[in-house]
Every structure is written in C-alpha cells, then in structure tokens.
Amino acid sequence: MSTNPQGGIVVFRDTGRRRTLSRKRKVGGVLAFVLAALIGVGAYAFTASNTVPEQHAGAGFGKVSGYVVAKNVSYTFDPTGTKMTNVVFMLNSPAHDVKVALTEAETPTAAGEWDDCGASTEASPTEFEVKCEFAGGIEDKKGDHLSVAAVSEGEVKVDGP
C-alpha cells in the first residue's frame, strides 16, 4: 500500500503475481545452483577415479663383446662319412643360448640354416663347451663355414626366410 498525494490509498492489485514471479526466480536460481554443484561434484568424482600406474623410462647402454670359439672344434660324421651330424667346440665365456649354421656360403642366407644348441656347459673356469646336432645332417661338401651365434642372456633369434 501507498499513500496517494491526492488523498486516498492506492492498492496494488498484482502483489500476488509479483510474489509468484519472485518465488519462481528464487526456485530457478536455487535449482541452477544445485545443478552446477552436482555437475562439479560429478566431474571431480570422475577425474578423482582416474589412475595412472607407476612407470619407468630411461636409456642405458652395456658393452656387447663377441664370443671366441676357443679351441677343440670337432665334427662327428654319420656311418657313411658323407654327412656331419654334430659339432662340439669351446667358447671363452658361458652362453645361455647358442645356435650354429654349417653352410657352403661364407654367411648363412636363411633362418632355416641355423640349428639350436641350447646352453653351454662349463668345461673349465675359462672354457665352456657347446654340443650341437645338425637336424638331418649336413653334407660334407656343403659344410665349409661354421657360423656361431651366442648370447649370455635370453635367446638367439635369427630373422629371415
């Protein structure tokens, strides 16, 4: 209510409407605030649940030196004397895995030319014996070059056809 300068009272007839609009604004504001809070909490919960496992990265180096076929390379032949069936030799260091290829060419050209020998065995503190059998034997005239691949850890892998 208010007083009219001309005398009399002026009555606001739409006070109920103003209260309704005001109440709707308040409720809308509260709902917007609650919605923003829920979105914020949801986003925090989502990011808080992400985990990344501990990782390691780095670079390093190690000396790679070759093996020396020390001595005593000996071959065994089949009863006809035309095929070599195995080879025995000594390495200067222990080997976890050894493969050999006995080929006509100076270097093996296919992965199938390599035979797995397994690990060396200690013959003395400075010599480690390797015994290797050739699958199917190697013809004497084709066994001109002995190639040896050895590793102190892991496995010898030969790529190629």
N, C-alpha and C. Protein backbone atom coordinates (compact mmCIF):
# COMPACT_ATOMS: atom_id res chain seq x y z
N MET A 1 0.81 -1.17 0.00
CA MET A 1 0.00 0.00 0.00
C MET A 1 0.86 1.24 0.00
N SER A 2 0.29 2.26 -0.56
CA SER A 2 0.99 3.53 -0.52
C SER A 2 -0.01 4.65 -0.41
N THR A 3 0.45 5.78 -0.04
CA THR A 3 -0.44 6.93 0.09
C THR A 3 -0.40 7.73 -1.20
N ASN A 4 -1.58 8.16 -1.57
CA ASN A 4 -1.72 8.94 -2.78
C ASN A 4 -1.67 10.40 -2.41
N PRO A 5 -0.88 11.25 -3.07
CA PRO A 5 -0.81 12.66 -2.71
C PRO A 5 -2.15 13.37 -2.89
N GLN A 6 -3.04 12.85 -3.69
CA GLN A 6 -4.33 13.47 -3.89
C GLN A 6 -5.31 13.03 -2.82
N GLY A 7 -4.87 12.22 -1.94
CA GLY A 7 -5.72 11.72 -0.88
C GLY A 7 -6.28 10.37 -1.23
N GLY A 8 -6.20 9.51 -0.40
CA GLY A 8 -6.72 8.17 -0.62
C GLY A 8 -5.59 7.13 -0.66
N ILE A 9 -5.95 5.94 -0.71
CA ILE A 9 -4.98 4.84 -0.67
C ILE A 9 -4.97 4.14 -2.03
N VAL A 10 -3.76 3.88 -2.51
CA VAL A 10 -3.60 3.14 -3.77
C VAL A 10 -3.28 1.70 -3.39
N VAL A 11 -4.04 0.81 -3.94
CA VAL A 11 -3.87 -0.60 -3.61
C VAL A 11 -3.25 -1.29 -4.84
N PHE A 12 -2.21 -2.02 -4.59
CA PHE A 12 -1.57 -2.80 -5.66
C PHE A 12 -2.35 -4.09 -5.81
N ARG A 13 -2.89 -4.26 -6.94
CA ARG A 13 -3.71 -5.44 -7.16
C ARG A 13 -2.88 -6.64 -7.60
N ASP A 14 -1.71 -6.51 -8.12
CA ASP A 14 -0.94 -7.65 -8.62
C ASP A 14 0.20 -8.05 -7.68
N THR A 15 0.04 -7.85 -6.40
CA THR A 15 1.06 -8.27 -5.46
C THR A 15 1.26 -9.78 -5.46
N GLY A 16 0.19 -10.52 -5.60
CA GLY A 16 0.30 -11.98 -5.63
C GLY A 16 1.13 -12.43 -6.83
N ARG A 17 0.96 -11.74 -7.94
CA ARG A 17 1.70 -12.09 -9.15
C ARG A 17 3.18 -11.81 -8.97
N ARG A 18 3.48 -10.69 -8.34
CA ARG A 18 4.89 -10.36 -8.10
C ARG A 18 5.54 -11.39 -7.18
N ARG A 19 4.82 -11.81 -6.17
CA ARG A 19 5.36 -12.82 -5.27
C ARG A 19 5.61 -14.13 -6.01
N THR A 20 4.71 -14.49 -6.92
CA THR A 20 4.86 -15.72 -7.68
C THR A 20 6.09 -15.63 -8.57
N LEU A 21 6.27 -14.52 -9.27
CA LEU A 21 7.45 -14.36 -10.12
C LEU A 21 8.72 -14.38 -9.29
N SER A 22 8.70 -13.72 -8.17
CA SER A 22 9.87 -13.68 -7.31
C SER A 22 10.20 -15.08 -6.80
N ARG A 23 9.18 -15.83 -6.41
CA ARG A 23 9.38 -17.18 -5.91
C ARG A 23 9.93 -18.08 -7.03
N LYS A 24 9.43 -17.93 -8.27
CA LYS A 24 9.91 -18.72 -9.40
C LYS A 24 11.38 -18.42 -9.68
N ARG A 25 11.74 -17.16 -9.59
CA ARG A 25 13.14 -16.79 -9.80
C ARG A 25 14.05 -17.40 -8.74
N LYS A 26 13.58 -17.35 -7.50
CA LYS A 26 14.37 -17.92 -6.42
C LYS A 26 14.54 -19.42 -6.60
N VAL A 27 13.42 -20.10 -6.91
CA VAL A 27 13.48 -21.55 -7.10
C VAL A 27 14.38 -21.88 -8.29
N GLY A 28 14.25 -21.13 -9.38
CA GLY A 28 15.10 -21.34 -10.57
C GLY A 28 16.56 -21.13 -10.24
N GLY A 29 16.86 -20.09 -9.48
CA GLY A 29 18.24 -19.82 -9.09
C GLY A 29 18.80 -20.93 -8.21
N VAL A 30 17.99 -21.40 -7.27
CA VAL A 30 18.43 -22.48 -6.39
C VAL A 30 18.66 -23.76 -7.20
N LEU A 31 17.74 -24.06 -8.13
CA LEU A 31 17.90 -25.25 -8.98
C LEU A 31 19.16 -25.14 -9.85
N ALA A 32 19.43 -23.98 -10.40
CA ALA A 32 20.64 -23.79 -11.21
C ALA A 32 21.88 -23.98 -10.36
N PHE A 33 21.86 -23.47 -9.14
CA PHE A 33 22.99 -23.64 -8.24
C PHE A 33 23.20 -25.11 -7.89
N VAL A 34 22.11 -25.82 -7.57
CA VAL A 34 22.19 -27.24 -7.23
C VAL A 34 22.70 -28.04 -8.42
N LEU A 35 22.20 -27.74 -9.62
CA LEU A 35 22.65 -28.43 -10.83
C LEU A 35 24.14 -28.19 -11.07
N ALA A 36 24.59 -26.96 -10.93
CA ALA A 36 26.01 -26.65 -11.11
C ALA A 36 26.86 -27.39 -10.07
N ALA A 37 26.38 -27.46 -8.84
CA ALA A 37 27.12 -28.17 -7.79
C ALA A 37 27.21 -29.66 -8.11
N LEU A 38 26.08 -30.24 -8.57
CA LEU A 38 26.10 -31.67 -8.91
C LEU A 38 27.06 -31.95 -10.07
N ILE A 39 27.06 -31.11 -11.08
CA ILE A 39 27.98 -31.28 -12.21
C ILE A 39 29.42 -31.16 -11.73
N GLY A 40 29.69 -30.20 -10.89
CA GLY A 40 31.05 -30.02 -10.36
C GLY A 40 31.50 -31.23 -9.56
N VAL A 41 30.63 -31.74 -8.69
CA VAL A 41 30.98 -32.91 -7.87
C VAL A 41 31.16 -34.13 -8.78
N GLY A 42 30.29 -34.28 -9.79
CA GLY A 42 30.41 -35.41 -10.73
C GLY A 42 31.71 -35.35 -11.50
N ALA A 43 32.08 -34.17 -11.96
CA ALA A 43 33.33 -34.02 -12.71
C ALA A 43 34.52 -34.32 -11.80
N TYR A 44 34.47 -33.87 -10.56
CA TYR A 44 35.56 -34.16 -9.63
C TYR A 44 35.65 -35.66 -9.37
N ALA A 45 34.50 -36.31 -9.16
CA ALA A 45 34.49 -37.74 -8.89
C ALA A 45 35.06 -38.50 -10.09
N PHE A 46 34.75 -38.07 -11.30
CA PHE A 46 35.26 -38.74 -12.50
C PHE A 46 36.77 -38.60 -12.58
N THR A 47 37.28 -37.40 -12.39
CA THR A 47 38.73 -37.20 -12.50
C THR A 47 39.46 -37.81 -11.31
N ALA A 48 38.82 -37.85 -10.16
CA ALA A 48 39.47 -38.43 -9.00
C ALA A 48 39.59 -39.94 -9.12
N SER A 49 38.74 -40.57 -9.97
CA SER A 49 38.79 -42.02 -10.08
C SER A 49 39.81 -42.49 -11.10
N ASN A 50 40.38 -41.59 -11.90
CA ASN A 50 41.39 -41.98 -12.88
C ASN A 50 42.71 -42.26 -12.17
N THR A 51 43.36 -43.35 -12.57
CA THR A 51 44.67 -43.67 -12.00
C THR A 51 45.63 -43.98 -13.14
N VAL A 52 46.85 -43.66 -12.93
CA VAL A 52 47.90 -43.98 -13.89
C VAL A 52 48.93 -44.81 -13.14
N PRO A 53 49.24 -46.01 -13.65
CA PRO A 53 50.19 -46.85 -12.93
C PRO A 53 51.59 -46.25 -12.95
N GLU A 54 52.37 -46.63 -11.96
CA GLU A 54 53.76 -46.17 -11.89
C GLU A 54 54.51 -46.70 -13.10
N GLN A 55 55.34 -45.86 -13.67
CA GLN A 55 56.07 -46.25 -14.88
C GLN A 55 57.54 -45.91 -14.72
N HIS A 56 58.34 -46.56 -15.54
CA HIS A 56 59.77 -46.30 -15.58
C HIS A 56 60.16 -46.03 -17.01
N ALA A 57 61.03 -45.10 -17.21
CA ALA A 57 61.55 -44.82 -18.54
C ALA A 57 63.01 -44.41 -18.39
N GLY A 58 63.77 -44.69 -19.40
CA GLY A 58 65.17 -44.31 -19.33
C GLY A 58 65.95 -44.92 -20.48
N ALA A 59 67.17 -44.62 -20.51
CA ALA A 59 68.06 -45.15 -21.54
C ALA A 59 69.34 -45.61 -20.86
N GLY A 60 69.98 -46.56 -21.45
CA GLY A 60 71.22 -47.06 -20.88
C GLY A 60 72.03 -47.75 -21.94
N PHE A 61 73.14 -48.26 -21.55
CA PHE A 61 73.98 -48.96 -22.51
C PHE A 61 74.75 -50.05 -21.77
N GLY A 62 75.21 -50.99 -22.52
CA GLY A 62 76.02 -52.07 -21.98
C GLY A 62 76.99 -52.53 -23.05
N LYS A 63 78.10 -52.99 -22.63
CA LYS A 63 79.12 -53.44 -23.57
C LYS A 63 78.69 -54.77 -24.19
N VAL A 64 78.77 -54.86 -25.49
CA VAL A 64 78.50 -56.09 -26.20
C VAL A 64 79.80 -56.55 -26.84
N SER A 65 80.30 -57.65 -26.36
CA SER A 65 81.53 -58.17 -26.95
C SER A 65 81.23 -59.55 -27.52
N GLY A 66 82.00 -59.95 -28.48
CA GLY A 66 81.78 -61.23 -29.14
C GLY A 66 82.34 -62.39 -28.36
N TYR A 67 81.90 -63.56 -28.74
CA TYR A 67 82.45 -64.79 -28.18
C TYR A 67 83.64 -65.22 -29.04
N VAL A 68 84.52 -65.96 -28.44
CA VAL A 68 85.64 -66.54 -29.17
C VAL A 68 85.48 -68.05 -29.09
N VAL A 69 85.47 -68.69 -30.26
CA VAL A 69 85.49 -70.14 -30.28
C VAL A 69 86.93 -70.51 -29.94
N ALA A 70 87.12 -70.90 -28.69
CA ALA A 70 88.46 -71.04 -28.12
C ALA A 70 89.30 -72.12 -28.79
N LYS A 71 88.80 -73.31 -28.84
CA LYS A 71 89.59 -74.41 -29.42
C LYS A 71 88.74 -75.66 -29.49
N ASN A 72 89.36 -76.73 -29.93
CA ASN A 72 88.76 -78.06 -29.93
C ASN A 72 87.45 -78.14 -30.71
N VAL A 73 87.41 -77.60 -31.92
CA VAL A 73 86.23 -77.78 -32.75
C VAL A 73 86.33 -79.17 -33.36
N SER A 74 85.32 -79.99 -33.10
CA SER A 74 85.33 -81.35 -33.65
C SER A 74 83.96 -81.69 -34.22
N TYR A 75 83.97 -82.44 -35.31
CA TYR A 75 82.75 -82.82 -36.00
C TYR A 75 82.58 -84.33 -35.92
N THR A 76 81.33 -84.76 -35.90
CA THR A 76 81.01 -86.18 -35.94
C THR A 76 80.27 -86.43 -37.26
N PHE A 77 80.63 -87.53 -37.93
CA PHE A 77 80.03 -87.88 -39.21
C PHE A 77 79.10 -89.07 -39.05
N ASP A 78 78.17 -89.20 -39.99
CA ASP A 78 77.29 -90.37 -40.00
C ASP A 78 78.10 -91.61 -40.41
N PRO A 79 77.54 -92.80 -40.33
CA PRO A 79 78.30 -94.03 -40.66
C PRO A 79 78.85 -94.06 -42.09
N THR A 80 78.22 -93.35 -43.00
CA THR A 80 78.72 -93.36 -44.38
C THR A 80 79.86 -92.37 -44.57
N GLY A 81 80.03 -91.48 -43.64
CA GLY A 81 81.09 -90.47 -43.73
C GLY A 81 80.79 -89.34 -44.69
N THR A 82 79.54 -89.22 -45.11
CA THR A 82 79.18 -88.17 -46.08
C THR A 82 78.44 -87.00 -45.45
N LYS A 83 77.94 -87.15 -44.24
CA LYS A 83 77.19 -86.07 -43.57
C LYS A 83 77.75 -85.84 -42.17
N MET A 84 77.84 -84.55 -41.83
CA MET A 84 78.22 -84.18 -40.46
C MET A 84 76.96 -84.17 -39.62
N THR A 85 76.98 -84.85 -38.49
CA THR A 85 75.78 -84.95 -37.65
C THR A 85 75.82 -84.03 -36.44
N ASN A 86 77.02 -83.68 -35.98
CA ASN A 86 77.10 -82.74 -34.86
C ASN A 86 78.47 -82.08 -34.82
N VAL A 87 78.53 -81.02 -34.01
CA VAL A 87 79.78 -80.29 -33.80
C VAL A 87 79.91 -80.02 -32.31
N VAL A 88 81.15 -80.04 -31.83
CA VAL A 88 81.46 -79.71 -30.43
C VAL A 88 82.60 -78.70 -30.46
N PHE A 89 82.46 -77.63 -29.66
CA PHE A 89 83.52 -76.62 -29.58
C PHE A 89 83.47 -75.93 -28.22
N MET A 90 84.50 -75.14 -27.94
CA MET A 90 84.61 -74.42 -26.67
C MET A 90 84.45 -72.92 -26.92
N LEU A 91 83.72 -72.26 -26.02
CA LEU A 91 83.61 -70.79 -26.02
C LEU A 91 84.43 -70.24 -24.86
N ASN A 92 84.82 -68.97 -24.98
CA ASN A 92 85.61 -68.34 -23.92
C ASN A 92 84.77 -67.82 -22.76
N SER A 93 83.44 -67.79 -22.90
CA SER A 93 82.54 -67.31 -21.85
C SER A 93 81.28 -68.17 -21.85
N PRO A 94 80.56 -68.22 -20.73
CA PRO A 94 79.34 -69.02 -20.71
C PRO A 94 78.27 -68.41 -21.62
N ALA A 95 77.48 -69.26 -22.24
CA ALA A 95 76.40 -68.81 -23.12
C ALA A 95 75.09 -69.44 -22.67
N HIS A 96 74.06 -68.61 -22.59
CA HIS A 96 72.73 -69.08 -22.20
C HIS A 96 72.05 -69.80 -23.36
N ASP A 97 72.32 -69.35 -24.59
CA ASP A 97 71.75 -69.97 -25.78
C ASP A 97 72.75 -69.84 -26.93
N VAL A 98 72.86 -70.90 -27.73
CA VAL A 98 73.79 -70.92 -28.86
C VAL A 98 73.08 -71.52 -30.06
N LYS A 99 73.31 -70.94 -31.22
CA LYS A 99 72.85 -71.51 -32.49
C LYS A 99 74.04 -71.54 -33.43
N VAL A 100 74.07 -72.56 -34.28
CA VAL A 100 75.15 -72.67 -35.26
C VAL A 100 74.56 -72.93 -36.63
N ALA A 101 75.32 -72.51 -37.63
CA ALA A 101 74.97 -72.80 -39.03
C ALA A 101 76.23 -73.31 -39.70
N LEU A 102 76.13 -74.44 -40.35
CA LEU A 102 77.24 -75.01 -41.11
C LEU A 102 76.82 -74.95 -42.57
N THR A 103 77.43 -74.00 -43.31
CA THR A 103 76.94 -73.71 -44.66
C THR A 103 78.05 -73.76 -45.69
N GLU A 104 77.62 -73.82 -46.94
CA GLU A 104 78.54 -73.77 -48.06
C GLU A 104 79.00 -72.33 -48.28
N ALA A 105 78.07 -71.38 -48.14
CA ALA A 105 78.39 -69.97 -48.29
C ALA A 105 79.09 -69.46 -47.03
N GLU A 106 79.80 -68.35 -47.17
CA GLU A 106 80.54 -67.80 -46.04
C GLU A 106 79.62 -67.36 -44.90
N THR A 107 78.45 -66.84 -45.26
CA THR A 107 77.48 -66.46 -44.24
C THR A 107 76.15 -67.13 -44.55
N PRO A 108 75.42 -67.56 -43.52
CA PRO A 108 74.11 -68.19 -43.75
C PRO A 108 73.15 -67.22 -44.42
N THR A 109 72.30 -67.72 -45.30
CA THR A 109 71.37 -66.86 -46.03
C THR A 109 69.92 -67.06 -45.62
N ALA A 110 69.63 -68.06 -44.81
CA ALA A 110 68.24 -68.33 -44.40
C ALA A 110 68.20 -68.74 -42.94
N ALA A 111 67.08 -68.40 -42.29
CA ALA A 111 66.90 -68.75 -40.88
C ALA A 111 66.89 -70.26 -40.68
N GLY A 112 66.46 -71.00 -41.69
CA GLY A 112 66.39 -72.45 -41.60
C GLY A 112 67.76 -73.13 -41.57
N GLU A 113 68.82 -72.40 -41.84
CA GLU A 113 70.16 -72.99 -41.82
C GLU A 113 70.75 -73.07 -40.41
N TRP A 114 70.09 -72.44 -39.45
CA TRP A 114 70.61 -72.41 -38.07
C TRP A 114 70.02 -73.55 -37.26
N ASP A 115 70.87 -74.20 -36.46
CA ASP A 115 70.44 -75.26 -35.55
C ASP A 115 70.66 -74.79 -34.11
N ASP A 116 69.67 -75.07 -33.27
CA ASP A 116 69.73 -74.65 -31.86
C ASP A 116 70.55 -75.65 -31.06
N CYS A 117 71.50 -75.13 -30.29
CA CYS A 117 72.38 -75.98 -29.48
C CYS A 117 72.02 -75.94 -28.00
N GLY A 118 71.26 -74.95 -27.57
CA GLY A 118 70.97 -74.79 -26.15
C GLY A 118 72.10 -74.01 -25.47
N ALA A 119 72.28 -74.25 -24.19
CA ALA A 119 73.28 -73.52 -23.41
C ALA A 119 74.62 -74.26 -23.41
N SER A 120 75.66 -73.50 -23.13
CA SER A 120 76.99 -74.11 -22.99
C SER A 120 77.11 -74.71 -21.59
N THR A 121 78.07 -75.61 -21.43
CA THR A 121 78.34 -76.18 -20.11
C THR A 121 79.79 -75.89 -19.76
N GLU A 122 80.04 -75.69 -18.49
CA GLU A 122 81.39 -75.33 -18.06
C GLU A 122 82.30 -76.56 -18.14
N ALA A 123 83.38 -76.41 -18.93
CA ALA A 123 84.38 -77.46 -19.03
C ALA A 123 85.56 -77.15 -18.11
N SER A 124 85.83 -75.85 -17.94
CA SER A 124 86.87 -75.36 -17.03
C SER A 124 86.49 -73.92 -16.71
N PRO A 125 87.20 -73.27 -15.78
CA PRO A 125 86.84 -71.89 -15.45
C PRO A 125 86.91 -70.92 -16.64
N THR A 126 87.65 -71.28 -17.67
CA THR A 126 87.80 -70.37 -18.81
C THR A 126 87.27 -70.95 -20.12
N GLU A 127 86.70 -72.14 -20.08
CA GLU A 127 86.19 -72.77 -21.29
C GLU A 127 84.79 -73.34 -21.06
N PHE A 128 83.93 -73.13 -22.04
CA PHE A 128 82.54 -73.55 -21.93
C PHE A 128 82.17 -74.33 -23.19
N GLU A 129 81.82 -75.57 -23.00
CA GLU A 129 81.59 -76.49 -24.11
C GLU A 129 80.19 -76.33 -24.70
N VAL A 130 80.13 -76.40 -26.03
CA VAL A 130 78.86 -76.37 -26.76
C VAL A 130 78.79 -77.62 -27.62
N LYS A 131 77.69 -78.35 -27.50
CA LYS A 131 77.43 -79.53 -28.33
C LYS A 131 76.17 -79.24 -29.14
N CYS A 132 76.28 -79.44 -30.44
CA CYS A 132 75.14 -79.13 -31.28
C CYS A 132 74.95 -80.21 -32.34
N GLU A 133 73.71 -80.69 -32.48
CA GLU A 133 73.38 -81.67 -33.50
C GLU A 133 72.73 -80.97 -34.69
N PHE A 134 73.10 -81.42 -35.88
CA PHE A 134 72.52 -80.87 -37.10
C PHE A 134 71.31 -81.71 -37.50
N ALA A 135 70.17 -81.08 -37.60
CA ALA A 135 68.94 -81.78 -37.98
C ALA A 135 69.10 -82.36 -39.39
N GLY A 136 69.06 -83.66 -39.50
CA GLY A 136 69.18 -84.32 -40.79
C GLY A 136 70.61 -84.43 -41.30
N GLY A 137 71.54 -83.85 -40.62
CA GLY A 137 72.94 -83.89 -41.04
C GLY A 137 73.23 -82.88 -42.15
N ILE A 138 74.48 -82.49 -42.27
CA ILE A 138 74.94 -81.55 -43.29
C ILE A 138 75.91 -82.31 -44.20
N GLU A 139 75.64 -82.25 -45.49
CA GLU A 139 76.53 -82.94 -46.43
C GLU A 139 77.94 -82.36 -46.29
N ASP A 140 78.92 -83.25 -46.30
CA ASP A 140 80.31 -82.85 -46.11
C ASP A 140 80.73 -81.76 -47.09
N LYS A 141 80.34 -81.89 -48.33
CA LYS A 141 80.75 -80.90 -49.35
C LYS A 141 80.04 -79.55 -49.18
N LYS A 142 78.96 -79.50 -48.36
CA LYS A 142 78.23 -78.23 -48.15
C LYS A 142 78.55 -77.61 -46.80
N GLY A 143 79.34 -78.23 -45.98
CA GLY A 143 79.65 -77.71 -44.65
C GLY A 143 81.02 -77.09 -44.59
N ASP A 144 81.21 -75.97 -45.32
CA ASP A 144 82.53 -75.33 -45.39
C ASP A 144 82.73 -74.23 -44.35
N HIS A 145 81.63 -73.63 -43.87
CA HIS A 145 81.75 -72.48 -42.97
C HIS A 145 80.87 -72.67 -41.75
N LEU A 146 81.49 -72.57 -40.58
CA LEU A 146 80.75 -72.67 -39.32
C LEU A 146 80.49 -71.26 -38.81
N SER A 147 79.20 -70.94 -38.62
CA SER A 147 78.81 -69.65 -38.02
C SER A 147 78.22 -69.93 -36.66
N VAL A 148 78.58 -69.11 -35.67
CA VAL A 148 78.12 -69.30 -34.30
C VAL A 148 77.45 -68.02 -33.83
N ALA A 149 76.26 -68.15 -33.26
CA ALA A 149 75.56 -67.02 -32.62
C ALA A 149 75.28 -67.43 -31.19
N ALA A 150 75.71 -66.62 -30.22
CA ALA A 150 75.54 -66.97 -28.81
C ALA A 150 75.18 -65.72 -28.01
N VAL A 151 74.42 -65.92 -26.94
CA VAL A 151 74.05 -64.83 -26.04
C VAL A 151 74.23 -65.27 -24.60
N SER A 152 74.61 -64.33 -23.75
CA SER A 152 74.79 -64.66 -22.33
C SER A 152 73.47 -64.64 -21.57
N GLU A 153 72.45 -63.96 -22.12
CA GLU A 153 71.11 -63.91 -21.52
C GLU A 153 70.09 -63.96 -22.65
N GLY A 154 68.94 -64.53 -22.38
CA GLY A 154 67.88 -64.55 -23.39
C GLY A 154 68.05 -65.68 -24.39
N GLU A 155 67.58 -65.40 -25.60
CA GLU A 155 67.55 -66.43 -26.64
C GLU A 155 68.08 -65.86 -27.94
N VAL A 156 68.83 -66.68 -28.69
CA VAL A 156 69.30 -66.28 -30.01
C VAL A 156 68.10 -66.36 -30.96
N LYS A 157 67.83 -65.26 -31.65
CA LYS A 157 66.76 -65.26 -32.65
C LYS A 157 67.35 -64.89 -33.98
N VAL A 158 67.04 -65.69 -34.99
CA VAL A 158 67.55 -65.45 -36.33
C VAL A 158 66.38 -65.08 -37.22
N ASP A 159 66.41 -63.88 -37.79
CA ASP A 159 65.35 -63.45 -38.70
C ASP A 159 65.68 -63.89 -40.11
N GLY A 160 64.68 -63.93 -40.92
CA GLY A 160 64.89 -64.22 -42.33
C GLY A 160 63.98 -65.32 -42.82
N PRO A 161 64.10 -65.60 -44.10
CA PRO A 161 63.23 -66.61 -44.72
C PRO A 161 63.55 -68.02 -44.24
